[in-house]
């Protein structure tokens, strides 16, 4: 039986100080495993990595042309910087709603600078407020109840559940509740990678295909709205042409390579996001999805420094091999 393997090792002053274990699956749009490390059957909640698909469902139901920036913030786990909050306001404004309609919990921004400037926790500052705004817009356009849009039995959540099965190729192993109160779906890494491969090749998504293509286009066009300052999603999408990247809580990262029709799912066992950059960059290099210039521009993401006294005294190093299937 497969198990997690070392993904990234942490070195300080020449001594190995920590090891992050995890598993990786790479799949094509047919759901075929292309490459893996550790256990590609490892079940994980999709968490915020499901946001591009959730946004596609909202776009499909709303049946309305949105800007790439608005779509990107719907797909994102934003930093709570001013540009993010103003874009969330625009999405809600289309529906004639304000921030008071949001049912995500009050929060401070993820970005430290934005958090220092905030007067206190507010729903619109929650990193999921763009996703919630998109759902509310869909509810207004379809005449769905607004107060209960987070409930599993609500029409929009039932539409998302159907989309998860279509995109991943299998029904969820379990349905839980995410940190923002929205239903969240547990799937094997292979199924999560398949979901992203089908976002990369949305013709597999039937009537959802145009909206899924719009979600991908929005993320590629406006990567800053997906995350923000110093975030791995934004950094990689800005540097690598065409790729989409979306992290989720508890160490999950998913990515899609539209040119190759491949999806990637990475799960870090200890729930840390620290290994995301080194792990993803090694997978992209293995898949021949990085030019030499792109790779050079992402050196700090591939090998983040370990600091001591404000100076670099070590680094994170990826330490795994992908096995082809």
C-alpha atoms as a PDB file:
ATOM      1  CA  UNK A   1       0.000   0.000   0.000  1.00  0.00           C
ATOM      2  CA  UNK A   2       1.424   3.399  -1.003  1.00  0.00           C
ATOM      3  CA  UNK A   3       2.171   5.972   1.667  1.00  0.00           C
ATOM      4  CA  UNK A   4       3.409   9.543   1.876  1.00  0.00           C
ATOM      5  CA  UNK A   5       7.030  10.227   0.959  1.00  0.00           C
ATOM      6  CA  UNK A   6       9.424  13.069   1.811  1.00  0.00           C
ATOM      7  CA  UNK A   7       8.574  15.988  -0.461  1.00  0.00           C
ATOM      8  CA  UNK A   8      10.715  18.798   0.941  1.00  0.00           C
ATOM      9  CA  UNK A   9      13.617  18.888   3.377  1.00  0.00           C
ATOM     10  CA  UNK A  10      14.450  21.978   5.441  1.00  0.00           C
ATOM     11  CA  UNK A  11      18.109  22.821   6.029  1.00  0.00           C
ATOM     12  CA  UNK A  12      19.419  25.377   8.531  1.00  0.00           C
ATOM     13  CA  UNK A  13      23.137  26.078   8.738  1.00  0.00           C
ATOM     14  CA  UNK A  14      23.928  22.801   6.990  1.00  0.00           C
ATOM     15  CA  UNK A  15      21.759  20.637   9.262  1.00  0.00           C
ATOM     16  CA  UNK A  16      18.487  18.995   8.191  1.00  0.00           C
ATOM     17  CA  UNK A  17      15.968  20.518  10.576  1.00  0.00           C
ATOM     18  CA  UNK A  18      12.617  19.267   9.255  1.00  0.00           C
ATOM     19  CA  UNK A  19      11.037  17.050   6.606  1.00  0.00           C
ATOM     20  CA  UNK A  20       7.612  17.570   5.035  1.00  0.00           C
ATOM     21  CA  UNK A  21       5.930  14.350   3.868  1.00  0.00           C
ATOM     22  CA  UNK A  22       3.234  14.218   1.238  1.00  0.00           C
ATOM     23  CA  UNK A  23       1.787  12.741  -1.936  1.00  0.00           C
ATOM     24  CA  UNK A  24       1.337  13.939  -5.514  1.00  0.00           C
ATOM     25  CA  UNK A  25      -0.883  12.910  -8.427  1.00  0.00           C
ATOM     26  CA  UNK A  26      -0.678  14.062 -12.045  1.00  0.00           C
ATOM     27  CA  UNK A  27      -3.627  13.097 -14.278  1.00  0.00           C
ATOM     28  CA  UNK A  28      -4.951  13.738 -17.758  1.00  0.00           C
ATOM     29  CA  UNK A  29      -8.528  14.701 -18.640  1.00  0.00           C
ATOM     30  CA  UNK A  30      -9.528  11.052 -18.990  1.00  0.00           C
ATOM     31  CA  UNK A  31      -8.681  10.496 -15.326  1.00  0.00           C
ATOM     32  CA  UNK A  32      -5.586   8.450 -16.147  1.00  0.00           C
ATOM     33  CA  UNK A  33      -2.717   8.713 -13.675  1.00  0.00           C
ATOM     34  CA  UNK A  34       0.304  10.089 -15.562  1.00  0.00           C
ATOM     35  CA  UNK A  35       2.794  10.389 -12.693  1.00  0.00           C
ATOM     36  CA  UNK A  36       2.801  10.222  -8.910  1.00  0.00           C
ATOM     37  CA  UNK A  37       4.790  10.340  -5.704  1.00  0.00           C
ATOM     38  CA  UNK A  38       3.602   8.779  -2.476  1.00  0.00           C
ATOM     39  CA  UNK A  39      -0.078   7.809  -2.464  1.00  0.00           C
ATOM     40  CA  UNK A  40      -2.187   9.183  -5.361  1.00  0.00           C
ATOM     41  CA  UNK A  41      -5.231   7.630  -3.687  1.00  0.00           C
ATOM     42  CA  UNK A  42      -4.786   9.747  -0.574  1.00  0.00           C
ATOM     43  CA  UNK A  43      -8.197  11.310   0.220  1.00  0.00           C
ATOM     44  CA  UNK A  44      -8.214  15.022   1.000  1.00  0.00           C
ATOM     45  CA  UNK A  45     -10.818  17.738   1.229  1.00  0.00           C
ATOM     46  CA  UNK A  46     -10.573  19.977  -1.822  1.00  0.00           C
ATOM     47  CA  UNK A  47     -10.831  23.069   0.395  1.00  0.00           C
ATOM     48  CA  UNK A  48     -10.125  26.281  -1.535  1.00  0.00           C
ATOM     49  CA  UNK A  49      -8.637  24.383  -4.458  1.00  0.00           C
ATOM     50  CA  UNK A  50     -12.261  23.800  -5.501  1.00  0.00           C
ATOM     51  CA  UNK A  51     -12.881  27.530  -6.010  1.00  0.00           C
ATOM     52  CA  UNK A  52     -12.304  27.636  -9.789  1.00  0.00           C
ATOM     53  CA  UNK A  53     -14.947  24.933 -10.254  1.00  0.00           C
ATOM     54  CA  UNK A  54     -17.302  26.596  -7.759  1.00  0.00           C
ATOM     55  CA  UNK A  55     -16.830  29.883  -9.617  1.00  0.00           C
ATOM     56  CA  UNK A  56     -17.591  28.152 -12.918  1.00  0.00           C
ATOM     57  CA  UNK A  57     -20.904  26.940 -11.493  1.00  0.00           C
ATOM     58  CA  UNK A  58     -21.751  30.453 -10.265  1.00  0.00           C
ATOM     59  CA  UNK A  59     -20.858  31.934 -13.658  1.00  0.00           C
ATOM     60  CA  UNK A  60     -22.944  29.338 -15.455  1.00  0.00           C
ATOM     61  CA  UNK A  61     -25.980  30.006 -13.272  1.00  0.00           C
ATOM     62  CA  UNK A  62     -25.608  33.789 -13.393  1.00  0.00           C
ATOM     63  CA  UNK A  63     -25.295  33.699 -17.208  1.00  0.00           C
ATOM     64  CA  UNK A  64     -23.657  37.123 -17.203  1.00  0.00           C
ATOM     65  CA  UNK A  65     -20.461  38.580 -18.676  1.00  0.00           C
ATOM     66  CA  UNK A  66     -18.018  39.498 -15.913  1.00  0.00           C
ATOM     67  CA  UNK A  67     -14.575  41.033 -16.185  1.00  0.00           C
ATOM     68  CA  UNK A  68     -11.519  38.817 -15.830  1.00  0.00           C
ATOM     69  CA  UNK A  69     -10.732  40.566 -12.533  1.00  0.00           C
ATOM     70  CA  UNK A  70     -14.169  39.793 -11.121  1.00  0.00           C
ATOM     71  CA  UNK A  71     -13.906  36.171 -12.216  1.00  0.00           C
ATOM     72  CA  UNK A  72     -10.403  35.841 -10.760  1.00  0.00           C
ATOM     73  CA  UNK A  73     -11.473  37.091  -7.322  1.00  0.00           C
ATOM     74  CA  UNK A  74     -14.368  34.593  -7.397  1.00  0.00           C
ATOM     75  CA  UNK A  75     -11.790  31.839  -8.024  1.00  0.00           C
ATOM     76  CA  UNK A  76      -9.359  33.107  -5.417  1.00  0.00           C
ATOM     77  CA  UNK A  77      -8.343  33.028  -1.785  1.00  0.00           C
ATOM     78  CA  UNK A  78      -7.458  36.689  -1.791  1.00  0.00           C
ATOM     79  CA  UNK A  79      -5.143  38.578   0.521  1.00  0.00           C
ATOM     80  CA  UNK A  80      -7.710  41.179   1.539  1.00  0.00           C
ATOM     81  CA  UNK A  81      -5.767  44.005  -0.111  1.00  0.00           C
ATOM     82  CA  UNK A  82      -7.741  47.045  -1.290  1.00  0.00           C
ATOM     83  CA  UNK A  83      -7.836  45.803  -4.911  1.00  0.00           C
ATOM     84  CA  UNK A  84      -9.392  42.527  -3.770  1.00  0.00           C
ATOM     85  CA  UNK A  85     -12.055  44.139  -1.603  1.00  0.00           C
ATOM     86  CA  UNK A  86     -13.036  46.629  -4.300  1.00  0.00           C
ATOM     87  CA  UNK A  87     -13.390  43.806  -6.830  1.00  0.00           C
ATOM     88  CA  UNK A  88     -15.584  41.809  -4.436  1.00  0.00           C
ATOM     89  CA  UNK A  89     -17.687  44.970  -4.066  1.00  0.00           C
ATOM     90  CA  UNK A  90     -18.130  45.106  -7.850  1.00  0.00           C
ATOM     91  CA  UNK A  91     -19.348  41.497  -8.019  1.00  0.00           C
ATOM     92  CA  UNK A  92     -21.884  42.109  -5.261  1.00  0.00           C
ATOM     93  CA  UNK A  93     -22.889  45.430  -6.847  1.00  0.00           C
ATOM     94  CA  UNK A  94     -23.950  43.606 -10.014  1.00  0.00           C
ATOM     95  CA  UNK A  95     -26.551  41.854  -7.867  1.00  0.00           C
ATOM     96  CA  UNK A  96     -27.586  45.032  -6.075  1.00  0.00           C
ATOM     97  CA  UNK A  97     -26.043  43.720  -2.854  1.00  0.00           C
ATOM     98  CA  UNK A  98     -23.536  45.000  -0.332  1.00  0.00           C
ATOM     99  CA  UNK A  99     -21.061  43.346   2.006  1.00  0.00           C
ATOM    100  CA  UNK A 100     -23.864  42.673   4.522  1.00  0.00           C
ATOM    101  CA  UNK A 101     -25.183  39.894   2.255  1.00  0.00           C
ATOM    102  CA  UNK A 102     -21.987  37.853   2.727  1.00  0.00           C
ATOM    103  CA  UNK A 103     -22.322  34.852   5.047  1.00  0.00           C
ATOM    104  CA  UNK A 104     -18.588  34.084   5.372  1.00  0.00           C
ATOM    105  CA  UNK A 105     -17.271  34.668   8.907  1.00  0.00           C
ATOM    106  CA  UNK A 106     -15.673  38.012   9.822  1.00  0.00           C
ATOM    107  CA  UNK A 107     -11.902  37.796   9.357  1.00  0.00           C
ATOM    108  CA  UNK A 108      -8.751  39.840   9.034  1.00  0.00           C
ATOM    109  CA  UNK A 109      -6.878  39.942   5.718  1.00  0.00           C
ATOM    110  CA  UNK A 110      -4.285  37.255   5.009  1.00  0.00           C
ATOM    111  CA  UNK A 111      -1.820  39.942   3.959  1.00  0.00           C
ATOM    112  CA  UNK A 112       0.029  41.312   7.030  1.00  0.00           C
ATOM    113  CA  UNK A 113       0.098  44.891   5.726  1.00  0.00           C
ATOM    114  CA  UNK A 114      -3.613  44.852   4.922  1.00  0.00           C
ATOM    115  CA  UNK A 115      -4.359  43.243   8.303  1.00  0.00           C
ATOM    116  CA  UNK A 116      -2.507  46.040  10.129  1.00  0.00           C
ATOM    117  CA  UNK A 117      -4.554  48.627   8.245  1.00  0.00           C
ATOM    118  CA  UNK A 118      -7.911  46.935   8.956  1.00  0.00           C
ATOM    119  CA  UNK A 119     -10.125  48.293  11.715  1.00  0.00           C
ATOM    120  CA  UNK A 120     -11.182  44.776  12.678  1.00  0.00           C
ATOM    121  CA  UNK A 121     -12.483  41.474  11.280  1.00  0.00           C
ATOM    122  CA  UNK A 122     -15.174  41.822   8.616  1.00  0.00           C
ATOM    123  CA  UNK A 123     -16.806  39.312   6.230  1.00  0.00           C
ATOM    124  CA  UNK A 124     -15.532  41.058   3.105  1.00  0.00           C
ATOM    125  CA  UNK A 125     -11.958  40.703   4.388  1.00  0.00           C
ATOM    126  CA  UNK A 126     -12.305  36.921   4.555  1.00  0.00           C
ATOM    127  CA  UNK A 127     -10.198  35.289   1.836  1.00  0.00           C
ATOM    128  CA  UNK A 128     -13.313  33.489   0.516  1.00  0.00           C
ATOM    129  CA  UNK A 129     -15.488  36.586   0.079  1.00  0.00           C
ATOM    130  CA  UNK A 130     -15.033  36.578  -3.707  1.00  0.00           C
ATOM    131  CA  UNK A 131     -16.376  33.027  -3.937  1.00  0.00           C
ATOM    132  CA  UNK A 132     -19.350  33.977  -1.749  1.00  0.00           C
ATOM    133  CA  UNK A 133     -20.006  37.104  -3.829  1.00  0.00           C
ATOM    134  CA  UNK A 134     -20.141  34.994  -6.991  1.00  0.00           C
ATOM    135  CA  UNK A 135     -22.588  32.586  -5.390  1.00  0.00           C
ATOM    136  CA  UNK A 136     -24.797  35.467  -4.281  1.00  0.00           C
ATOM    137  CA  UNK A 137     -24.807  36.918  -7.796  1.00  0.00           C
ATOM    138  CA  UNK A 138     -25.908  33.534  -9.165  1.00  0.00           C
ATOM    139  CA  UNK A 139     -28.634  33.292  -6.519  1.00  0.00           C
ATOM    140  CA  UNK A 140     -30.036  36.718  -7.397  1.00  0.00           C
ATOM    141  CA  UNK A 141     -30.071  35.955 -11.122  1.00  0.00           C
ATOM    142  CA  UNK A 142     -31.790  32.589 -10.550  1.00  0.00           C
ATOM    143  CA  UNK A 143     -34.166  33.737  -7.821  1.00  0.00           C
ATOM    144  CA  UNK A 144     -32.644  31.425  -5.200  1.00  0.00           C
ATOM    145  CA  UNK A 145     -32.863  32.179  -1.489  1.00  0.00           C
ATOM    146  CA  UNK A 146     -29.960  34.374  -0.358  1.00  0.00           C
ATOM    147  CA  UNK A 147     -29.801  33.660   3.358  1.00  0.00           C
ATOM    148  CA  UNK A 148     -29.340  29.904   2.965  1.00  0.00           C
ATOM    149  CA  UNK A 149     -26.878  29.787   0.047  1.00  0.00           C
ATOM    150  CA  UNK A 150     -24.276  27.994   2.220  1.00  0.00           C
ATOM    151  CA  UNK A 151     -26.576  25.083   3.092  1.00  0.00           C
ATOM    152  CA  UNK A 152     -25.791  21.702   1.439  1.00  0.00           C
ATOM    153  CA  UNK A 153     -29.364  21.361   0.156  1.00  0.00           C
ATOM    154  CA  UNK A 154     -29.420  24.812  -1.481  1.00  0.00           C
ATOM    155  CA  UNK A 155     -29.742  24.691  -5.296  1.00  0.00           C
ATOM    156  CA  UNK A 156     -26.348  26.289  -5.875  1.00  0.00           C
ATOM    157  CA  UNK A 157     -24.595  23.789  -3.582  1.00  0.00           C
ATOM    158  CA  UNK A 158     -26.403  20.920  -5.273  1.00  0.00           C
ATOM    159  CA  UNK A 159     -25.209  22.246  -8.646  1.00  0.00           C
ATOM    160  CA  UNK A 160     -21.651  22.376  -7.310  1.00  0.00           C
ATOM    161  CA  UNK A 161     -21.944  18.812  -5.998  1.00  0.00           C
ATOM    162  CA  UNK A 162     -22.963  17.624  -9.473  1.00  0.00           C
ATOM    163  CA  UNK A 163     -20.090  19.580 -11.026  1.00  0.00           C
ATOM    164  CA  UNK A 164     -17.575  17.997  -8.653  1.00  0.00           C
ATOM    165  CA  UNK A 165     -18.662  14.534  -9.754  1.00  0.00           C
ATOM    166  CA  UNK A 166     -18.497  15.504 -13.424  1.00  0.00           C
ATOM    167  CA  UNK A 167     -15.096  17.189 -13.163  1.00  0.00           C
ATOM    168  CA  UNK A 168     -13.391  14.660 -10.898  1.00  0.00           C
ATOM    169  CA  UNK A 169     -14.884  11.559 -12.482  1.00  0.00           C
ATOM    170  CA  UNK A 170     -16.238  10.234  -9.195  1.00  0.00           C
ATOM    171  CA  UNK A 171     -18.643  11.217  -6.416  1.00  0.00           C
ATOM    172  CA  UNK A 172     -17.039  12.689  -3.294  1.00  0.00           C
ATOM    173  CA  UNK A 173     -15.908  10.281  -0.590  1.00  0.00           C
ATOM    174  CA  UNK A 174     -17.437  12.685   1.938  1.00  0.00           C
ATOM    175  CA  UNK A 175     -18.972  16.147   2.109  1.00  0.00           C
ATOM    176  CA  UNK A 176     -17.925  18.393   4.983  1.00  0.00           C
ATOM    177  CA  UNK A 177     -18.084  22.083   5.828  1.00  0.00           C
ATOM    178  CA  UNK A 178     -15.217  24.371   4.845  1.00  0.00           C
ATOM    179  CA  UNK A 179     -13.827  27.128   7.055  1.00  0.00           C
ATOM    180  CA  UNK A 180     -16.048  29.714   5.358  1.00  0.00           C
ATOM    181  CA  UNK A 181     -19.181  27.617   5.917  1.00  0.00           C
ATOM    182  CA  UNK A 182     -19.599  26.310   2.340  1.00  0.00           C
ATOM    183  CA  UNK A 183     -19.834  22.530   1.686  1.00  0.00           C
ATOM    184  CA  UNK A 184     -16.445  21.003   0.866  1.00  0.00           C
ATOM    185  CA  UNK A 185     -15.786  17.710  -0.917  1.00  0.00           C
ATOM    186  CA  UNK A 186     -13.282  14.970  -0.066  1.00  0.00           C
ATOM    187  CA  UNK A 187     -11.671  13.214  -3.032  1.00  0.00           C
ATOM    188  CA  UNK A 188      -8.589  11.105  -3.794  1.00  0.00           C
ATOM    189  CA  UNK A 189      -5.664  13.115  -5.149  1.00  0.00           C
ATOM    190  CA  UNK A 190      -6.080  11.360  -8.496  1.00  0.00           C
ATOM    191  CA  UNK A 191      -9.650  12.692  -8.708  1.00  0.00           C
ATOM    192  CA  UNK A 192      -8.524  16.205  -7.721  1.00  0.00           C
ATOM    193  CA  UNK A 193      -5.843  16.103 -10.417  1.00  0.00           C
ATOM    194  CA  UNK A 194      -8.483  14.903 -12.907  1.00  0.00           C
ATOM    195  CA  UNK A 195     -10.711  17.830 -11.916  1.00  0.00           C
ATOM    196  CA  UNK A 196      -7.924  20.250 -12.777  1.00  0.00           C
ATOM    197  CA  UNK A 197      -7.099  18.440 -16.007  1.00  0.00           C
ATOM    198  CA  UNK A 198     -10.734  18.892 -17.032  1.00  0.00           C
ATOM    199  CA  UNK A 199     -10.564  22.579 -16.130  1.00  0.00           C
ATOM    200  CA  UNK A 200      -7.570  22.665 -18.468  1.00  0.00           C
ATOM    201  CA  UNK A 201      -9.624  20.900 -21.160  1.00  0.00           C
ATOM    202  CA  UNK A 202     -13.168  22.072 -20.292  1.00  0.00           C
ATOM    203  CA  UNK A 203     -14.841  20.340 -23.231  1.00  0.00           C
ATOM    204  CA  UNK A 204     -15.093  17.380 -20.822  1.00  0.00           C
ATOM    205  CA  UNK A 205     -17.458  19.444 -18.645  1.00  0.00           C
ATOM    206  CA  UNK A 206     -20.458  19.458 -20.984  1.00  0.00           C
ATOM    207  CA  UNK A 207     -22.706  22.507 -20.456  1.00  0.00           C
ATOM    208  CA  UNK A 208     -20.327  23.874 -17.824  1.00  0.00           C
ATOM    209  CA  UNK A 209     -17.499  24.130 -20.380  1.00  0.00           C
ATOM    210  CA  UNK A 210     -17.901  27.826 -21.359  1.00  0.00           C
ATOM    211  CA  UNK A 211     -18.005  28.951 -17.722  1.00  0.00           C
ATOM    212  CA  UNK A 212     -15.023  26.763 -16.823  1.00  0.00           C
ATOM    213  CA  UNK A 213     -13.068  28.250 -19.715  1.00  0.00           C
ATOM    214  CA  UNK A 214     -13.951  31.722 -18.431  1.00  0.00           C
ATOM    215  CA  UNK A 215     -12.726  30.802 -14.938  1.00  0.00           C
ATOM    216  CA  UNK A 216      -9.386  29.626 -16.327  1.00  0.00           C
ATOM    217  CA  UNK A 217      -9.068  32.726 -18.521  1.00  0.00           C
ATOM    218  CA  UNK A 218      -9.797  35.002 -15.568  1.00  0.00           C
ATOM    219  CA  UNK A 219      -7.136  33.345 -13.399  1.00  0.00           C
ATOM    220  CA  UNK A 220      -4.513  33.467 -16.153  1.00  0.00           C
ATOM    221  CA  UNK A 221      -5.312  37.103 -16.980  1.00  0.00           C
ATOM    222  CA  UNK A 222      -5.551  38.407 -13.405  1.00  0.00           C
ATOM    223  CA  UNK A 223      -3.342  36.279 -11.136  1.00  0.00           C
ATOM    224  CA  UNK A 224      -3.022  39.043  -8.535  1.00  0.00           C
ATOM    225  CA  UNK A 225      -6.767  38.883  -7.893  1.00  0.00           C
ATOM    226  CA  UNK A 226      -6.520  35.135  -7.189  1.00  0.00           C
ATOM    227  CA  UNK A 227      -4.169  35.611  -4.237  1.00  0.00           C
ATOM    228  CA  UNK A 228      -1.954  38.702  -4.024  1.00  0.00           C
ATOM    229  CA  UNK A 229       1.303  39.959  -2.623  1.00  0.00           C
ATOM    230  CA  UNK A 230       3.966  37.253  -2.090  1.00  0.00           C
ATOM    231  CA  UNK A 231       1.502  34.372  -2.590  1.00  0.00           C
ATOM    232  CA  UNK A 232       2.568  31.234  -4.445  1.00  0.00           C
ATOM    233  CA  UNK A 233      -0.504  31.160  -6.729  1.00  0.00           C
ATOM    234  CA  UNK A 234       0.156  34.682  -7.987  1.00  0.00           C
ATOM    235  CA  UNK A 235       3.925  34.287  -8.243  1.00  0.00           C
ATOM    236  CA  UNK A 236       3.768  31.097 -10.315  1.00  0.00           C
ATOM    237  CA  UNK A 237       0.883  32.191 -12.549  1.00  0.00           C
ATOM    238  CA  UNK A 238       2.642  35.469 -13.299  1.00  0.00           C
ATOM    239  CA  UNK A 239       5.849  33.683 -14.253  1.00  0.00           C
ATOM    240  CA  UNK A 240       4.638  30.559 -16.076  1.00  0.00           C
ATOM    241  CA  UNK A 241       2.580  31.138 -19.186  1.00  0.00           C
ATOM    242  CA  UNK A 242      -0.922  29.641 -19.145  1.00  0.00           C
ATOM    243  CA  UNK A 243      -0.704  27.620 -15.936  1.00  0.00           C
ATOM    244  CA  UNK A 244      -3.369  27.999 -13.232  1.00  0.00           C
ATOM    245  CA  UNK A 245      -2.528  27.373  -9.573  1.00  0.00           C
ATOM    246  CA  UNK A 246      -4.862  27.298  -6.581  1.00  0.00           C
ATOM    247  CA  UNK A 247      -3.953  26.394  -3.038  1.00  0.00           C
ATOM    248  CA  UNK A 248      -6.279  25.042  -0.377  1.00  0.00           C
ATOM    249  CA  UNK A 249      -6.046  24.778   3.384  1.00  0.00           C
ATOM    250  CA  UNK A 250      -4.223  21.947   5.167  1.00  0.00           C
ATOM    251  CA  UNK A 251      -1.413  21.625   2.661  1.00  0.00           C
ATOM    252  CA  UNK A 252      -3.338  21.072  -0.586  1.00  0.00           C
ATOM    253  CA  UNK A 253      -2.298  22.647  -3.881  1.00  0.00           C
ATOM    254  CA  UNK A 254      -3.780  21.971  -7.309  1.00  0.00           C
ATOM    255  CA  UNK A 255      -2.673  23.190 -10.719  1.00  0.00           C
ATOM    256  CA  UNK A 256      -3.720  22.852 -14.347  1.00  0.00           C
ATOM    257  CA  UNK A 257      -1.590  22.910 -17.484  1.00  0.00           C
ATOM    258  CA  UNK A 258      -3.971  23.806 -20.345  1.00  0.00           C
ATOM    259  CA  UNK A 259      -1.341  23.312 -23.056  1.00  0.00           C
ATOM    260  CA  UNK A 260      -0.689  19.740 -21.905  1.00  0.00           C
ATOM    261  CA  UNK A 261      -4.189  18.890 -20.668  1.00  0.00           C
ATOM    262  CA  UNK A 262      -2.819  17.828 -17.285  1.00  0.00           C
ATOM    263  CA  UNK A 263      -3.874  18.410 -13.698  1.00  0.00           C
ATOM    264  CA  UNK A 264      -1.707  18.278 -10.572  1.00  0.00           C
ATOM    265  CA  UNK A 265      -2.703  17.663  -6.951  1.00  0.00           C
ATOM    266  CA  UNK A 266      -0.180  17.970  -4.104  1.00  0.00           C
ATOM    267  CA  UNK A 267      -1.030  17.155  -0.493  1.00  0.00           C
ATOM    268  CA  UNK A 268       1.384  17.923   2.364  1.00  0.00           C
ATOM    269  CA  UNK A 269       0.700  15.590   5.269  1.00  0.00           C
ATOM    270  CA  UNK A 270       1.336  18.066   8.073  1.00  0.00           C
ATOM    271  CA  UNK A 271      -0.971  20.658   6.501  1.00  0.00           C
ATOM    272  CA  UNK A 272       1.820  23.167   5.904  1.00  0.00           C
ATOM    273  CA  UNK A 273       1.955  25.411   2.853  1.00  0.00           C
ATOM    274  CA  UNK A 274       5.707  25.838   3.167  1.00  0.00           C
ATOM    275  CA  UNK A 275       6.519  22.969   0.736  1.00  0.00           C
ATOM    276  CA  UNK A 276       4.117  24.133  -1.997  1.00  0.00           C
ATOM    277  CA  UNK A 277       6.572  26.150  -4.075  1.00  0.00           C
ATOM    278  CA  UNK A 278       9.456  23.660  -4.085  1.00  0.00           C
ATOM    279  CA  UNK A 279       7.090  20.733  -4.756  1.00  0.00           C
ATOM    280  CA  UNK A 280       5.134  22.414  -7.555  1.00  0.00           C
ATOM    281  CA  UNK A 281       8.228  23.718  -9.324  1.00  0.00           C
ATOM    282  CA  UNK A 282       9.802  20.254  -9.321  1.00  0.00           C
ATOM    283  CA  UNK A 283       6.604  18.777 -10.826  1.00  0.00           C
ATOM    284  CA  UNK A 284       6.433  21.500 -13.491  1.00  0.00           C
ATOM    285  CA  UNK A 285      10.066  20.893 -14.394  1.00  0.00           C
ATOM    286  CA  UNK A 286       9.462  17.126 -14.593  1.00  0.00           C
ATOM    287  CA  UNK A 287       6.534  17.766 -16.957  1.00  0.00           C
ATOM    288  CA  UNK A 288       8.676  20.036 -19.129  1.00  0.00           C
ATOM    289  CA  UNK A 289       6.307  22.920 -18.363  1.00  0.00           C
ATOM    290  CA  UNK A 290       8.996  25.469 -17.419  1.00  0.00           C
ATOM    291  CA  UNK A 291      11.263  27.436 -19.704  1.00  0.00           C
ATOM    292  CA  UNK A 292      14.756  28.208 -18.425  1.00  0.00           C
ATOM    293  CA  UNK A 293      13.793  31.863 -17.953  1.00  0.00           C
ATOM    294  CA  UNK A 294      10.655  30.944 -16.031  1.00  0.00           C
ATOM    295  CA  UNK A 295      12.610  28.578 -13.833  1.00  0.00           C
ATOM    296  CA  UNK A 296      15.247  31.229 -13.099  1.00  0.00           C
ATOM    297  CA  UNK A 297      12.598  33.821 -12.188  1.00  0.00           C
ATOM    298  CA  UNK A 298      11.086  31.432  -9.640  1.00  0.00           C
ATOM    299  CA  UNK A 299      14.292  30.400  -7.863  1.00  0.00           C
ATOM    300  CA  UNK A 300      13.074  31.913  -4.576  1.00  0.00           C
ATOM    301  CA  UNK A 301       9.841  29.911  -4.876  1.00  0.00           C
ATOM    302  CA  UNK A 302      11.659  26.681  -5.754  1.00  0.00           C
ATOM    303  CA  UNK A 303      14.194  27.056  -2.911  1.00  0.00           C
ATOM    304  CA  UNK A 304      12.758  29.414  -0.259  1.00  0.00           C
ATOM    305  CA  UNK A 305      15.413  30.663   2.141  1.00  0.00           C
ATOM    306  CA  UNK A 306      15.548  29.711   5.802  1.00  0.00           C
ATOM    307  CA  UNK A 307      16.295  32.858   7.807  1.00  0.00           C
ATOM    308  CA  UNK A 308      18.428  33.468  10.834  1.00  0.00           C
ATOM    309  CA  UNK A 309      18.806  36.992  12.165  1.00  0.00           C
ATOM    310  CA  UNK A 310      17.146  38.290   9.037  1.00  0.00           C
ATOM    311  CA  UNK A 311      19.731  36.606   6.801  1.00  0.00           C
ATOM    312  CA  UNK A 312      19.535  33.453   4.703  1.00  0.00           C
ATOM    313  CA  UNK A 313      21.134  30.570   6.596  1.00  0.00           C
ATOM    314  CA  UNK A 314      19.594  27.657   4.705  1.00  0.00           C
ATOM    315  CA  UNK A 315      16.861  26.654   2.303  1.00  0.00           C
ATOM    316  CA  UNK A 316      14.009  24.302   1.492  1.00  0.00           C
ATOM    317  CA  UNK A 317      14.942  21.591  -1.021  1.00  0.00           C
ATOM    318  CA  UNK A 318      12.524  19.297  -2.881  1.00  0.00           C
ATOM    319  CA  UNK A 319      13.488  15.638  -2.450  1.00  0.00           C
ATOM    320  CA  UNK A 320      11.184  13.331  -4.374  1.00  0.00           C
ATOM    321  CA  UNK A 321      11.002  11.552  -7.694  1.00  0.00           C
ATOM    322  CA  UNK A 322       7.852  11.271  -9.742  1.00  0.00           C
ATOM    323  CA  UNK A 323       7.037   7.783 -10.978  1.00  0.00           C
ATOM    324  CA  UNK A 324       5.400   7.546 -14.384  1.00  0.00           C
ATOM    325  CA  UNK A 325       2.433   5.255 -14.859  1.00  0.00           C
END
